[in-house]
């Protein structure tokens, strides 16, 4: 009976482990995995960060506007966004918007559109950008104005 309860050692799988395992008879060491991960993290943060279709996000937001405006939530709203922090600010806005969608129990394709947009946003740590919680809390009207302005600016920038 105790044979069934014996735990087997489990080794976590990290990016690149499967490739390393197929080319080597030994598992990758922790140091090797850490080196691969640190290389990946430094190279992705310096690379061009593709932004999903912001014009599509604008139309999703327009279709949700009436339901969202019913919220009395105070939300972190980025202001005076630096050029190198626009994507991070957009991420802050979308995360706050998702909170409103969940609190207002908005479901269906309109809400899914924002969830999908969020899934496509880069998740990198943007060096030099303020965290979302560092911005001041604003009411839903000011929040939506800021989000719409940022989306419009990014859409224009992507189309030029």
N, C-alpha and C. Protein backbone atom coordinates (compact mmCIF):
# COMPACT_ATOMS: atom_id res chain seq x y z
N UNK A 1 0.81 -1.19 0.00
CA UNK A 1 0.00 0.00 0.00
C UNK A 1 0.86 1.27 0.00
N UNK A 2 1.96 1.25 0.69
CA UNK A 2 2.81 2.44 0.72
C UNK A 2 3.55 2.66 -0.59
N UNK A 3 3.66 1.60 -1.40
CA UNK A 3 4.31 1.77 -2.70
C UNK A 3 3.56 2.76 -3.58
N UNK A 4 2.24 2.79 -3.46
CA UNK A 4 1.45 3.73 -4.26
C UNK A 4 1.62 5.16 -3.80
N UNK A 5 2.03 5.36 -2.60
CA UNK A 5 2.13 6.69 -2.03
C UNK A 5 3.53 7.28 -2.14
N UNK A 6 4.45 6.55 -2.70
CA UNK A 6 5.80 7.05 -2.86
C UNK A 6 5.82 8.11 -3.95
N UNK A 7 6.34 9.26 -3.60
CA UNK A 7 6.39 10.37 -4.57
C UNK A 7 7.55 10.19 -5.52
N UNK A 8 7.31 10.46 -6.75
CA UNK A 8 8.35 10.43 -7.76
C UNK A 8 8.95 11.81 -7.89
N UNK A 9 10.25 11.92 -8.12
CA UNK A 9 10.83 13.26 -8.29
C UNK A 9 10.28 13.91 -9.57
N UNK A 10 9.96 15.17 -9.45
CA UNK A 10 9.42 15.92 -10.57
C UNK A 10 10.37 17.05 -10.89
N UNK A 11 10.72 17.15 -12.15
CA UNK A 11 11.59 18.23 -12.59
C UNK A 11 10.78 19.17 -13.46
N UNK A 12 10.72 20.47 -13.11
CA UNK A 12 9.94 21.41 -13.92
C UNK A 12 10.53 21.55 -15.32
N UNK A 13 9.67 21.85 -16.27
CA UNK A 13 10.09 22.04 -17.65
C UNK A 13 10.10 23.55 -17.93
N UNK A 14 11.20 24.03 -18.46
CA UNK A 14 11.35 25.43 -18.80
C UNK A 14 11.52 25.55 -20.30
N UNK A 15 11.31 26.78 -20.85
CA UNK A 15 11.51 26.95 -22.28
C UNK A 15 12.90 26.48 -22.70
N UNK A 16 12.95 25.70 -23.72
CA UNK A 16 14.22 25.21 -24.22
C UNK A 16 14.61 23.86 -23.66
N UNK A 17 13.95 23.41 -22.57
CA UNK A 17 14.29 22.12 -21.98
C UNK A 17 14.03 20.97 -22.94
N UNK A 18 12.92 21.03 -23.67
CA UNK A 18 12.60 19.93 -24.56
C UNK A 18 13.63 19.82 -25.67
N UNK A 19 14.07 20.96 -26.17
CA UNK A 19 15.10 20.95 -27.21
C UNK A 19 16.41 20.43 -26.63
N UNK A 20 16.76 20.88 -25.42
CA UNK A 20 18.00 20.44 -24.78
C UNK A 20 17.95 18.95 -24.50
N UNK A 21 16.79 18.45 -24.09
CA UNK A 21 16.65 17.04 -23.77
C UNK A 21 16.77 16.18 -25.02
N UNK A 22 16.32 16.69 -26.14
CA UNK A 22 16.38 15.89 -27.36
C UNK A 22 17.79 15.84 -27.93
N UNK A 23 18.65 16.81 -27.60
CA UNK A 23 20.01 16.81 -28.14
C UNK A 23 21.03 16.32 -27.14
N UNK A 24 20.62 16.06 -25.92
CA UNK A 24 21.54 15.64 -24.89
C UNK A 24 20.92 14.52 -24.08
N UNK A 25 21.75 13.65 -23.53
CA UNK A 25 21.23 12.55 -22.73
C UNK A 25 20.99 12.98 -21.29
N UNK A 26 21.48 14.14 -20.89
CA UNK A 26 21.28 14.59 -19.51
C UNK A 26 20.30 15.76 -19.49
N UNK A 27 19.56 15.92 -18.39
CA UNK A 27 18.65 17.05 -18.29
C UNK A 27 19.45 18.36 -18.11
N UNK A 28 18.84 19.45 -18.53
CA UNK A 28 19.48 20.75 -18.39
C UNK A 28 19.60 21.10 -16.92
N UNK A 29 20.72 21.70 -16.53
CA UNK A 29 20.91 22.10 -15.15
C UNK A 29 20.16 23.39 -14.88
N UNK A 30 20.00 23.70 -13.61
CA UNK A 30 19.33 24.94 -13.23
C UNK A 30 20.06 26.14 -13.82
N UNK A 31 21.38 26.14 -13.75
CA UNK A 31 22.16 27.26 -14.27
C UNK A 31 21.95 27.43 -15.77
N UNK A 32 21.88 26.30 -16.50
CA UNK A 32 21.65 26.38 -17.94
C UNK A 32 20.26 26.95 -18.23
N UNK A 33 19.27 26.51 -17.48
CA UNK A 33 17.91 27.03 -17.67
C UNK A 33 17.85 28.51 -17.34
N UNK A 34 18.50 28.91 -16.25
CA UNK A 34 18.50 30.31 -15.83
C UNK A 34 19.17 31.17 -16.89
N UNK A 35 20.25 30.68 -17.49
CA UNK A 35 20.93 31.43 -18.54
C UNK A 35 20.02 31.62 -19.74
N UNK A 36 19.32 30.54 -20.13
CA UNK A 36 18.40 30.64 -21.26
C UNK A 36 17.30 31.63 -20.97
N UNK A 37 16.74 31.58 -19.76
CA UNK A 37 15.64 32.47 -19.41
C UNK A 37 16.10 33.91 -19.33
N UNK A 38 17.29 34.16 -18.76
CA UNK A 38 17.75 35.54 -18.68
C UNK A 38 18.05 36.09 -20.07
N UNK A 39 18.57 35.24 -20.96
CA UNK A 39 18.81 35.67 -22.33
C UNK A 39 17.49 36.03 -23.00
N UNK A 40 16.47 35.20 -22.81
CA UNK A 40 15.17 35.48 -23.42
C UNK A 40 14.58 36.77 -22.89
N UNK A 41 14.66 36.99 -21.59
CA UNK A 41 14.02 38.17 -21.02
C UNK A 41 14.73 39.45 -21.45
N UNK A 42 16.06 39.41 -21.57
CA UNK A 42 16.74 40.63 -21.98
C UNK A 42 16.54 40.92 -23.45
N UNK A 43 16.48 39.88 -24.26
CA UNK A 43 16.34 40.13 -25.69
C UNK A 43 14.93 40.56 -26.05
N UNK A 44 13.92 40.07 -25.36
CA UNK A 44 12.56 40.46 -25.71
C UNK A 44 12.23 41.86 -25.23
N UNK A 45 12.83 42.32 -24.14
CA UNK A 45 12.49 43.66 -23.67
C UNK A 45 13.11 44.74 -24.55
N UNK A 46 14.18 44.41 -25.24
CA UNK A 46 14.83 45.40 -26.10
C UNK A 46 14.27 45.39 -27.52
N UNK A 47 13.54 44.36 -27.87
CA UNK A 47 13.03 44.22 -29.23
C UNK A 47 11.78 45.07 -29.45
N UNK A 48 11.43 45.24 -30.72
CA UNK A 48 10.21 45.94 -31.08
C UNK A 48 9.01 45.18 -30.50
N UNK A 49 8.10 45.91 -29.87
CA UNK A 49 6.94 45.28 -29.24
C UNK A 49 5.73 45.52 -30.13
N UNK A 50 5.24 44.47 -30.80
CA UNK A 50 4.06 44.64 -31.66
C UNK A 50 2.81 44.86 -30.81
N UNK A 51 1.99 45.78 -31.24
CA UNK A 51 0.76 46.09 -30.54
C UNK A 51 -0.40 45.58 -31.38
N UNK A 52 -1.38 44.91 -30.73
CA UNK A 52 -2.53 44.44 -31.50
C UNK A 52 -3.32 45.61 -32.09
N UNK A 53 -4.24 45.31 -32.94
CA UNK A 53 -5.05 46.28 -33.67
C UNK A 53 -5.83 47.20 -32.70
N UNK A 54 -5.34 48.42 -32.53
CA UNK A 54 -5.99 49.35 -31.60
C UNK A 54 -7.30 49.89 -32.15
N UNK A 55 -7.46 49.95 -33.46
CA UNK A 55 -8.73 50.43 -34.02
C UNK A 55 -9.85 49.43 -33.70
N UNK A 56 -9.51 48.15 -33.70
CA UNK A 56 -10.49 47.13 -33.33
C UNK A 56 -10.87 47.29 -31.85
N UNK A 57 -9.89 47.57 -31.01
CA UNK A 57 -10.16 47.79 -29.59
C UNK A 57 -11.07 49.02 -29.40
N UNK A 58 -10.86 50.04 -30.23
CA UNK A 58 -11.72 51.23 -30.16
C UNK A 58 -13.18 50.87 -30.44
N UNK A 59 -13.41 50.08 -31.47
CA UNK A 59 -14.79 49.70 -31.79
C UNK A 59 -15.39 48.81 -30.70
N UNK A 60 -14.57 47.95 -30.10
CA UNK A 60 -15.05 47.13 -28.98
C UNK A 60 -15.46 48.03 -27.80
N UNK A 61 -14.63 49.00 -27.53
CA UNK A 61 -14.90 49.91 -26.42
C UNK A 61 -16.18 50.71 -26.67
N UNK A 62 -16.38 51.17 -27.90
CA UNK A 62 -17.61 51.91 -28.24
C UNK A 62 -18.85 51.06 -27.99
N UNK A 63 -18.76 49.79 -28.34
CA UNK A 63 -19.93 48.92 -28.16
C UNK A 63 -20.20 48.62 -26.68
N UNK A 64 -19.21 48.80 -25.83
CA UNK A 64 -19.37 48.55 -24.39
C UNK A 64 -19.67 49.82 -23.59
N UNK A 65 -19.56 50.97 -24.23
CA UNK A 65 -19.61 52.24 -23.52
C UNK A 65 -20.83 52.38 -22.61
N UNK A 66 -22.01 52.09 -23.09
CA UNK A 66 -23.22 52.27 -22.27
C UNK A 66 -23.19 51.39 -21.03
N UNK A 67 -22.75 50.16 -21.16
CA UNK A 67 -22.69 49.25 -20.01
C UNK A 67 -21.59 49.67 -19.03
N UNK A 68 -20.48 50.15 -19.56
CA UNK A 68 -19.36 50.54 -18.70
C UNK A 68 -19.65 51.82 -17.94
N UNK A 69 -20.34 52.75 -18.58
CA UNK A 69 -20.61 54.05 -17.94
C UNK A 69 -21.49 53.92 -16.70
N UNK A 70 -22.13 52.80 -16.51
CA UNK A 70 -22.96 52.58 -15.32
C UNK A 70 -22.12 52.37 -14.07
N UNK A 71 -20.84 52.10 -14.25
CA UNK A 71 -19.96 51.83 -13.12
C UNK A 71 -19.65 53.11 -12.35
N UNK A 72 -19.60 52.97 -11.04
CA UNK A 72 -19.18 54.10 -10.21
C UNK A 72 -17.77 53.87 -9.66
N UNK A 73 -17.05 52.95 -10.28
CA UNK A 73 -15.69 52.60 -9.84
C UNK A 73 -14.73 53.76 -10.07
N UNK A 74 -13.76 53.83 -9.20
CA UNK A 74 -12.63 54.73 -9.37
C UNK A 74 -11.49 53.87 -9.90
N UNK A 75 -10.88 54.31 -11.01
CA UNK A 75 -9.91 53.47 -11.71
C UNK A 75 -8.59 54.20 -11.91
N UNK A 76 -7.50 53.44 -11.89
CA UNK A 76 -6.19 54.02 -12.19
C UNK A 76 -6.18 54.44 -13.65
N UNK A 77 -5.91 55.71 -13.87
CA UNK A 77 -5.94 56.25 -15.23
C UNK A 77 -4.61 56.94 -15.54
N UNK A 78 -3.79 56.32 -16.40
CA UNK A 78 -2.53 56.95 -16.78
C UNK A 78 -2.76 58.31 -17.43
N UNK A 79 -1.89 59.25 -17.12
CA UNK A 79 -1.97 60.57 -17.74
C UNK A 79 -0.57 61.00 -18.14
N UNK A 80 -0.47 61.91 -19.07
CA UNK A 80 0.82 62.39 -19.58
C UNK A 80 1.73 61.21 -19.89
N UNK A 81 1.30 60.39 -20.82
CA UNK A 81 2.00 59.15 -21.17
C UNK A 81 3.24 59.44 -22.02
N UNK A 82 4.39 58.91 -21.59
CA UNK A 82 5.62 59.05 -22.36
C UNK A 82 5.53 58.13 -23.59
N UNK A 83 6.20 58.51 -24.66
CA UNK A 83 6.17 57.71 -25.89
C UNK A 83 6.59 56.27 -25.66
N UNK A 84 7.65 56.07 -24.88
CA UNK A 84 8.14 54.71 -24.67
C UNK A 84 7.28 53.91 -23.69
N UNK A 85 6.26 54.53 -23.10
CA UNK A 85 5.40 53.85 -22.13
C UNK A 85 3.95 53.74 -22.59
N UNK A 86 3.69 54.01 -23.85
CA UNK A 86 2.31 53.96 -24.35
C UNK A 86 1.72 52.55 -24.23
N UNK A 87 2.49 51.55 -24.58
CA UNK A 87 1.97 50.18 -24.51
C UNK A 87 1.70 49.79 -23.06
N UNK A 88 2.60 50.17 -22.17
CA UNK A 88 2.40 49.88 -20.75
C UNK A 88 1.17 50.61 -20.23
N UNK A 89 0.98 51.84 -20.62
CA UNK A 89 -0.20 52.61 -20.20
C UNK A 89 -1.48 51.98 -20.74
N UNK A 90 -1.42 51.54 -21.99
CA UNK A 90 -2.57 50.87 -22.59
C UNK A 90 -2.89 49.60 -21.80
N UNK A 91 -1.85 48.89 -21.43
CA UNK A 91 -2.04 47.68 -20.61
C UNK A 91 -2.73 48.02 -19.29
N UNK A 92 -2.32 49.10 -18.65
CA UNK A 92 -2.95 49.54 -17.40
C UNK A 92 -4.43 49.83 -17.61
N UNK A 93 -4.73 50.58 -18.66
CA UNK A 93 -6.12 50.91 -18.97
C UNK A 93 -6.95 49.64 -19.18
N UNK A 94 -6.42 48.72 -19.97
CA UNK A 94 -7.18 47.51 -20.30
C UNK A 94 -7.39 46.65 -19.05
N UNK A 95 -6.39 46.55 -18.20
CA UNK A 95 -6.56 45.77 -16.97
C UNK A 95 -7.65 46.37 -16.08
N UNK A 96 -7.67 47.68 -15.98
CA UNK A 96 -8.72 48.34 -15.20
C UNK A 96 -10.09 48.15 -15.86
N UNK A 97 -10.12 48.23 -17.17
CA UNK A 97 -11.37 48.02 -17.91
C UNK A 97 -11.91 46.62 -17.67
N UNK A 98 -11.03 45.64 -17.62
CA UNK A 98 -11.46 44.27 -17.35
C UNK A 98 -12.10 44.14 -15.97
N UNK A 99 -11.59 44.89 -15.01
CA UNK A 99 -12.19 44.90 -13.67
C UNK A 99 -13.64 45.40 -13.76
N UNK A 100 -13.85 46.47 -14.50
CA UNK A 100 -15.20 47.02 -14.66
C UNK A 100 -16.11 46.01 -15.36
N UNK A 101 -15.60 45.38 -16.40
CA UNK A 101 -16.39 44.39 -17.14
C UNK A 101 -16.84 43.27 -16.21
N UNK A 102 -15.92 42.82 -15.36
CA UNK A 102 -16.28 41.74 -14.44
C UNK A 102 -17.23 42.22 -13.35
N UNK A 103 -16.99 43.41 -12.80
CA UNK A 103 -17.87 43.94 -11.76
C UNK A 103 -19.27 44.20 -12.28
N UNK A 104 -19.37 44.70 -13.50
CA UNK A 104 -20.67 44.98 -14.10
C UNK A 104 -21.31 43.72 -14.70
N UNK A 105 -20.56 42.61 -14.62
CA UNK A 105 -21.02 41.32 -15.14
C UNK A 105 -21.45 41.41 -16.61
N UNK A 106 -20.61 42.08 -17.38
CA UNK A 106 -20.83 42.21 -18.82
C UNK A 106 -20.28 40.95 -19.48
N UNK A 107 -21.12 40.27 -20.23
CA UNK A 107 -20.70 39.03 -20.90
C UNK A 107 -21.04 39.09 -22.38
N UNK A 108 -20.46 38.18 -23.12
CA UNK A 108 -20.75 38.09 -24.54
C UNK A 108 -19.61 38.59 -25.39
N UNK A 109 -19.87 38.69 -26.69
CA UNK A 109 -18.82 39.07 -27.64
C UNK A 109 -18.20 40.43 -27.36
N UNK A 110 -18.99 41.36 -26.87
CA UNK A 110 -18.46 42.70 -26.59
C UNK A 110 -17.38 42.64 -25.52
N UNK A 111 -17.64 41.91 -24.46
CA UNK A 111 -16.65 41.76 -23.38
C UNK A 111 -15.49 40.89 -23.84
N UNK A 112 -15.78 39.83 -24.57
CA UNK A 112 -14.74 38.93 -25.05
C UNK A 112 -13.73 39.65 -25.94
N UNK A 113 -14.19 40.63 -26.66
CA UNK A 113 -13.33 41.42 -27.52
C UNK A 113 -12.22 42.09 -26.71
N UNK A 114 -12.55 42.63 -25.55
CA UNK A 114 -11.56 43.29 -24.70
C UNK A 114 -10.65 42.24 -24.06
N UNK A 115 -11.22 41.12 -23.63
CA UNK A 115 -10.39 40.04 -23.07
C UNK A 115 -9.38 39.55 -24.11
N UNK A 116 -9.82 39.38 -25.35
CA UNK A 116 -8.93 38.94 -26.43
C UNK A 116 -7.84 39.97 -26.70
N UNK A 117 -8.21 41.24 -26.70
CA UNK A 117 -7.24 42.31 -26.91
C UNK A 117 -6.18 42.27 -25.81
N UNK A 118 -6.62 42.09 -24.57
CA UNK A 118 -5.70 42.01 -23.45
C UNK A 118 -4.74 40.84 -23.62
N UNK A 119 -5.24 39.71 -24.08
CA UNK A 119 -4.38 38.53 -24.28
C UNK A 119 -3.28 38.78 -25.30
N UNK A 120 -3.53 39.70 -26.25
CA UNK A 120 -2.54 39.97 -27.29
C UNK A 120 -1.57 41.10 -26.93
N UNK A 121 -1.85 41.79 -25.83
CA UNK A 121 -0.94 42.86 -25.42
C UNK A 121 0.36 42.28 -24.87
N UNK A 122 1.47 42.92 -25.16
CA UNK A 122 2.75 42.45 -24.60
C UNK A 122 2.72 42.49 -23.08
N UNK A 123 3.32 41.50 -22.45
CA UNK A 123 3.32 41.40 -20.99
C UNK A 123 4.68 41.73 -20.40
N UNK A 124 5.59 42.22 -21.23
CA UNK A 124 6.95 42.50 -20.79
C UNK A 124 6.96 43.55 -19.68
N UNK A 125 8.03 43.54 -18.94
CA UNK A 125 8.26 44.56 -17.94
C UNK A 125 8.89 45.75 -18.66
N UNK A 126 8.18 46.84 -18.74
CA UNK A 126 8.65 48.00 -19.48
C UNK A 126 9.51 48.89 -18.56
N UNK A 127 10.78 48.89 -18.83
CA UNK A 127 11.75 49.61 -18.01
C UNK A 127 11.47 51.11 -18.08
N UNK A 128 11.44 51.75 -16.93
CA UNK A 128 11.24 53.19 -16.86
C UNK A 128 9.80 53.64 -16.86
N UNK A 129 8.85 52.71 -17.00
CA UNK A 129 7.43 53.07 -17.00
C UNK A 129 6.85 52.89 -15.61
N UNK A 130 5.94 53.77 -15.26
CA UNK A 130 5.31 53.69 -13.95
C UNK A 130 4.37 52.49 -13.89
N UNK A 131 4.28 51.85 -12.72
CA UNK A 131 3.29 50.77 -12.56
C UNK A 131 1.88 51.37 -12.56
N UNK A 132 0.93 50.57 -12.90
CA UNK A 132 -0.46 51.05 -13.01
C UNK A 132 -0.94 51.74 -11.74
N UNK A 133 -0.59 51.17 -10.60
CA UNK A 133 -1.06 51.69 -9.31
C UNK A 133 -0.44 53.03 -8.95
N UNK A 134 0.55 53.48 -9.70
CA UNK A 134 1.19 54.77 -9.42
C UNK A 134 0.37 55.94 -9.96
N UNK A 135 -0.58 55.65 -10.85
CA UNK A 135 -1.41 56.71 -11.40
C UNK A 135 -2.55 57.02 -10.45
N UNK A 136 -3.14 58.19 -10.60
CA UNK A 136 -4.24 58.58 -9.71
C UNK A 136 -5.55 57.92 -10.15
N UNK A 137 -6.44 57.81 -9.18
CA UNK A 137 -7.76 57.21 -9.43
C UNK A 137 -8.68 58.26 -10.05
N UNK A 138 -9.39 57.85 -11.08
CA UNK A 138 -10.31 58.75 -11.78
C UNK A 138 -11.67 58.07 -11.91
N UNK A 139 -12.71 58.87 -12.12
CA UNK A 139 -14.03 58.29 -12.34
C UNK A 139 -14.11 57.69 -13.73
N UNK A 140 -15.16 56.99 -14.00
CA UNK A 140 -15.27 56.24 -15.26
C UNK A 140 -15.26 57.15 -16.49
N UNK A 141 -15.83 58.34 -16.38
CA UNK A 141 -15.87 59.27 -17.51
C UNK A 141 -14.46 59.72 -17.90
N UNK A 142 -13.69 60.16 -16.91
CA UNK A 142 -12.31 60.60 -17.17
C UNK A 142 -11.47 59.42 -17.65
N UNK A 143 -11.67 58.25 -17.04
CA UNK A 143 -10.96 57.04 -17.43
C UNK A 143 -11.21 56.71 -18.90
N UNK A 144 -12.49 56.68 -19.30
CA UNK A 144 -12.84 56.36 -20.69
C UNK A 144 -12.29 57.39 -21.68
N UNK A 145 -12.32 58.67 -21.31
CA UNK A 145 -11.74 59.70 -22.17
C UNK A 145 -10.25 59.46 -22.38
N UNK A 146 -9.54 59.16 -21.31
CA UNK A 146 -8.10 58.90 -21.41
C UNK A 146 -7.81 57.67 -22.26
N UNK A 147 -8.58 56.61 -22.04
CA UNK A 147 -8.39 55.38 -22.82
C UNK A 147 -8.68 55.62 -24.30
N UNK A 148 -9.78 56.30 -24.58
CA UNK A 148 -10.12 56.61 -25.98
C UNK A 148 -9.04 57.46 -26.64
N UNK A 149 -8.53 58.45 -25.93
CA UNK A 149 -7.48 59.30 -26.48
C UNK A 149 -6.21 58.50 -26.78
N UNK A 150 -5.83 57.62 -25.86
CA UNK A 150 -4.63 56.81 -26.08
C UNK A 150 -4.83 55.85 -27.25
N UNK A 151 -5.98 55.21 -27.33
CA UNK A 151 -6.26 54.31 -28.45
C UNK A 151 -6.24 55.06 -29.78
N UNK A 152 -6.83 56.24 -29.80
CA UNK A 152 -6.84 57.06 -31.01
C UNK A 152 -5.43 57.44 -31.42
N UNK A 153 -4.63 57.87 -30.47
CA UNK A 153 -3.26 58.25 -30.75
C UNK A 153 -2.45 57.06 -31.28
N UNK A 154 -2.62 55.91 -30.65
CA UNK A 154 -1.87 54.71 -31.09
C UNK A 154 -2.36 54.21 -32.45
N UNK A 155 -3.64 54.31 -32.71
CA UNK A 155 -4.19 53.91 -34.01
C UNK A 155 -3.64 54.80 -35.10
N UNK A 156 -3.62 56.11 -34.86
CA UNK A 156 -3.07 57.06 -35.82
C UNK A 156 -1.60 56.78 -36.08
N UNK A 157 -0.86 56.52 -35.00
CA UNK A 157 0.57 56.26 -35.11
C UNK A 157 0.84 54.97 -35.89
N UNK A 158 0.02 53.94 -35.67
CA UNK A 158 0.21 52.67 -36.38
C UNK A 158 -0.14 52.78 -37.87
N UNK A 159 -1.05 53.69 -38.20
CA UNK A 159 -1.50 53.85 -39.58
C UNK A 159 -0.65 54.81 -40.39
N UNK A 160 0.34 55.44 -39.75
CA UNK A 160 1.18 56.39 -40.50
C UNK A 160 2.54 55.80 -40.81
